[in-house]
């Protein structure tokens, strides 16, 4: 998949349900061949896409996600975050979970995997703005998290019950 960066104003000045904004995003994606746009702030930190959260596996094997002050805490990301904390960190598959701002440059220099979380999917990103991310192929953490998300929520479990 090919993804593009799109700058957006601070959250306080933007309506999340802005139809005009959604139309603009689709136009930008189409004009430049992008599949999804990734929002970045004025300091070039990654935020989220229009329909998904994001996270990286950095070169030190940390699972890094942006702070929830700059992005929503989506259901798919929260399910994966819970699994990483309770299973992958104790096993040593992931070193630690870190919530901090992620610079765009870090995606090219300090990232094994870039992942999008949304719509009950975990999507590997292997190309961003025409540049290879990590090794340029889907990584092993993506495989693990995709399997976890495919299992879904326990039968009959509501979102509120899952979040408790």
Protein backbone atom coordinates (compact mmCIF):
# COMPACT_ATOMS: atom_id res chain seq x y z
CA UNK A 1 0.00 0.00 0.00
CA UNK A 2 1.10 3.55 -0.66
CA UNK A 3 0.32 6.25 1.89
CA UNK A 4 0.68 10.03 1.92
CA UNK A 5 1.17 12.57 4.68
CA UNK A 6 -1.46 15.31 5.04
CA UNK A 7 -1.09 18.21 7.45
CA UNK A 8 -4.09 19.09 9.56
CA UNK A 9 -4.88 21.95 11.92
CA UNK A 10 -4.82 21.34 15.69
CA UNK A 11 -7.76 19.22 16.89
CA UNK A 12 -9.35 22.18 18.66
CA UNK A 13 -9.90 23.95 15.32
CA UNK A 14 -11.09 20.95 13.32
CA UNK A 15 -14.43 19.18 13.21
CA UNK A 16 -13.86 15.40 13.11
CA UNK A 17 -16.97 14.90 11.02
CA UNK A 18 -16.26 17.63 8.51
CA UNK A 19 -17.65 16.47 5.18
CA UNK A 20 -15.52 19.05 3.36
CA UNK A 21 -12.41 17.69 5.05
CA UNK A 22 -13.30 14.13 4.03
CA UNK A 23 -13.84 15.21 0.41
CA UNK A 24 -10.49 17.03 0.44
CA UNK A 25 -8.71 13.93 1.81
CA UNK A 26 -10.20 11.72 -0.92
CA UNK A 27 -9.17 14.23 -3.59
CA UNK A 28 -5.61 14.45 -2.27
CA UNK A 29 -5.33 10.65 -2.07
CA UNK A 30 -6.59 10.21 -5.62
CA UNK A 31 -4.45 12.97 -7.14
CA UNK A 32 -1.25 11.58 -5.68
CA UNK A 33 -2.00 7.87 -5.93
CA UNK A 34 -2.36 7.37 -2.20
CA UNK A 35 -4.44 4.74 -0.50
CA UNK A 36 -4.87 6.59 2.81
CA UNK A 37 -3.58 9.86 4.13
CA UNK A 38 -1.69 10.06 7.41
CA UNK A 39 -2.25 13.23 9.37
CA UNK A 40 0.81 14.98 10.74
CA UNK A 41 0.93 18.02 13.01
CA UNK A 42 2.79 21.28 12.39
CA UNK A 43 5.96 19.75 13.88
CA UNK A 44 5.82 16.72 11.53
CA UNK A 45 4.61 14.19 14.12
CA UNK A 46 2.36 11.37 12.91
CA UNK A 47 -1.16 11.50 14.36
CA UNK A 48 -3.63 9.08 12.73
CA UNK A 49 -5.42 8.42 9.45
CA UNK A 50 -8.98 9.42 8.68
CA UNK A 51 -10.14 5.92 9.67
CA UNK A 52 -7.34 4.31 11.68
CA UNK A 53 -4.84 4.69 14.51
CA UNK A 54 -1.19 3.99 13.88
CA UNK A 55 1.81 2.61 15.69
CA UNK A 56 5.35 1.53 15.00
CA UNK A 57 7.68 -1.22 16.09
CA UNK A 58 10.92 0.71 16.49
CA UNK A 59 14.43 -0.66 15.98
CA UNK A 60 14.71 -1.30 19.75
CA UNK A 61 11.58 -3.49 19.47
CA UNK A 62 9.28 -1.09 21.37
CA UNK A 63 5.62 -0.79 20.37
CA UNK A 64 5.22 2.99 20.02
CA UNK A 65 1.89 4.79 19.61
CA UNK A 66 1.02 8.51 19.58
CA UNK A 67 -0.52 9.94 22.77
CA UNK A 68 -4.30 9.92 22.93
CA UNK A 69 -4.26 13.71 23.29
CA UNK A 70 -3.47 13.80 19.54
CA UNK A 71 -5.43 10.77 18.31
CA UNK A 72 -8.47 8.77 19.28
CA UNK A 73 -8.16 5.56 21.30
CA UNK A 74 -9.70 3.29 18.67
CA UNK A 75 -11.13 -0.12 19.52
CA UNK A 76 -8.78 -2.10 17.30
CA UNK A 77 -5.71 -0.35 18.67
CA UNK A 78 -6.91 -0.82 22.26
CA UNK A 79 -7.42 -4.56 21.70
CA UNK A 80 -3.91 -4.87 20.22
CA UNK A 81 -2.40 -2.68 22.94
CA UNK A 82 -3.93 -4.90 25.62
CA UNK A 83 -2.53 -8.03 23.94
CA UNK A 84 0.93 -6.51 23.52
CA UNK A 85 1.06 -5.49 27.20
CA UNK A 86 -0.26 -8.78 28.59
CA UNK A 87 1.35 -11.26 26.19
CA UNK A 88 4.08 -9.94 23.89
CA UNK A 89 5.94 -7.84 26.49
CA UNK A 90 6.05 -10.63 29.14
CA UNK A 91 7.26 -13.11 26.48
CA UNK A 92 9.97 -10.66 25.33
CA UNK A 93 8.59 -10.46 21.79
CA UNK A 94 8.12 -6.71 22.37
CA UNK A 95 10.48 -4.84 24.70
CA UNK A 96 8.00 -2.25 25.96
CA UNK A 97 4.92 -0.20 25.10
CA UNK A 98 5.72 3.48 24.69
CA UNK A 99 3.20 6.26 24.15
CA UNK A 100 4.91 9.33 22.68
CA UNK A 101 4.94 11.51 19.61
CA UNK A 102 6.44 9.93 16.48
CA UNK A 103 8.36 12.10 14.01
CA UNK A 104 7.91 11.33 10.32
CA UNK A 105 11.70 10.98 9.92
CA UNK A 106 11.65 8.21 12.54
CA UNK A 107 9.46 6.09 10.28
CA UNK A 108 12.29 5.98 7.75
CA UNK A 109 15.23 5.67 10.15
CA UNK A 110 14.08 3.88 13.32
CA UNK A 111 11.16 1.65 12.36
CA UNK A 112 10.85 -2.08 11.72
CA UNK A 113 7.09 -1.98 11.16
CA UNK A 114 4.46 0.75 10.68
CA UNK A 115 0.93 -0.48 11.37
CA UNK A 116 -2.54 0.99 10.99
CA UNK A 117 -5.32 -0.17 13.35
CA UNK A 118 -8.94 0.36 12.37
CA UNK A 119 -12.15 -1.22 11.18
CA UNK A 120 -11.22 -4.50 12.88
CA UNK A 121 -8.07 -4.68 10.72
CA UNK A 122 -4.33 -4.36 11.26
CA UNK A 123 -2.74 -3.07 8.06
CA UNK A 124 1.02 -3.16 7.44
CA UNK A 125 2.46 -0.06 5.80
CA UNK A 126 5.52 -0.83 3.70
CA UNK A 127 5.71 2.44 1.76
CA UNK A 128 5.09 5.98 3.00
CA UNK A 129 5.36 8.99 0.69
CA UNK A 130 7.13 6.83 -1.85
CA UNK A 131 9.78 5.66 0.63
CA UNK A 132 10.28 2.17 1.99
CA UNK A 133 9.33 1.58 5.63
CA UNK A 134 11.45 -0.97 7.52
CA UNK A 135 12.40 -3.90 5.32
CA UNK A 136 9.63 -3.07 2.86
CA UNK A 137 7.58 -6.18 3.68
CA UNK A 138 4.99 -7.11 6.29
CA UNK A 139 6.66 -7.93 9.61
CA UNK A 140 6.11 -10.64 12.23
CA UNK A 141 4.38 -8.38 14.78
CA UNK A 142 1.78 -7.49 12.15
CA UNK A 143 1.11 -11.21 11.60
CA UNK A 144 0.59 -11.74 15.34
CA UNK A 145 -1.71 -8.74 15.76
CA UNK A 146 -3.72 -9.56 12.64
CA UNK A 147 -4.43 -13.02 14.08
CA UNK A 148 -5.52 -11.50 17.40
CA UNK A 149 -7.87 -9.02 15.73
CA UNK A 150 -9.31 -11.73 13.46
CA UNK A 151 -10.30 -13.67 16.59
CA UNK A 152 -12.44 -10.65 17.42
CA UNK A 153 -14.14 -9.91 20.68
CA UNK A 154 -15.50 -12.69 22.83
CA UNK A 155 -18.95 -13.71 21.64
CA UNK A 156 -21.57 -11.35 23.01
CA UNK A 157 -18.99 -8.97 24.48
CA UNK A 158 -19.79 -5.30 24.00
CA UNK A 159 -17.20 -2.58 23.46
CA UNK A 160 -17.87 -1.17 26.95
CA UNK A 161 -17.33 -4.61 28.51
CA UNK A 162 -14.09 -5.07 26.57
CA UNK A 163 -12.79 -1.65 27.70
CA UNK A 164 -13.35 -2.38 31.43
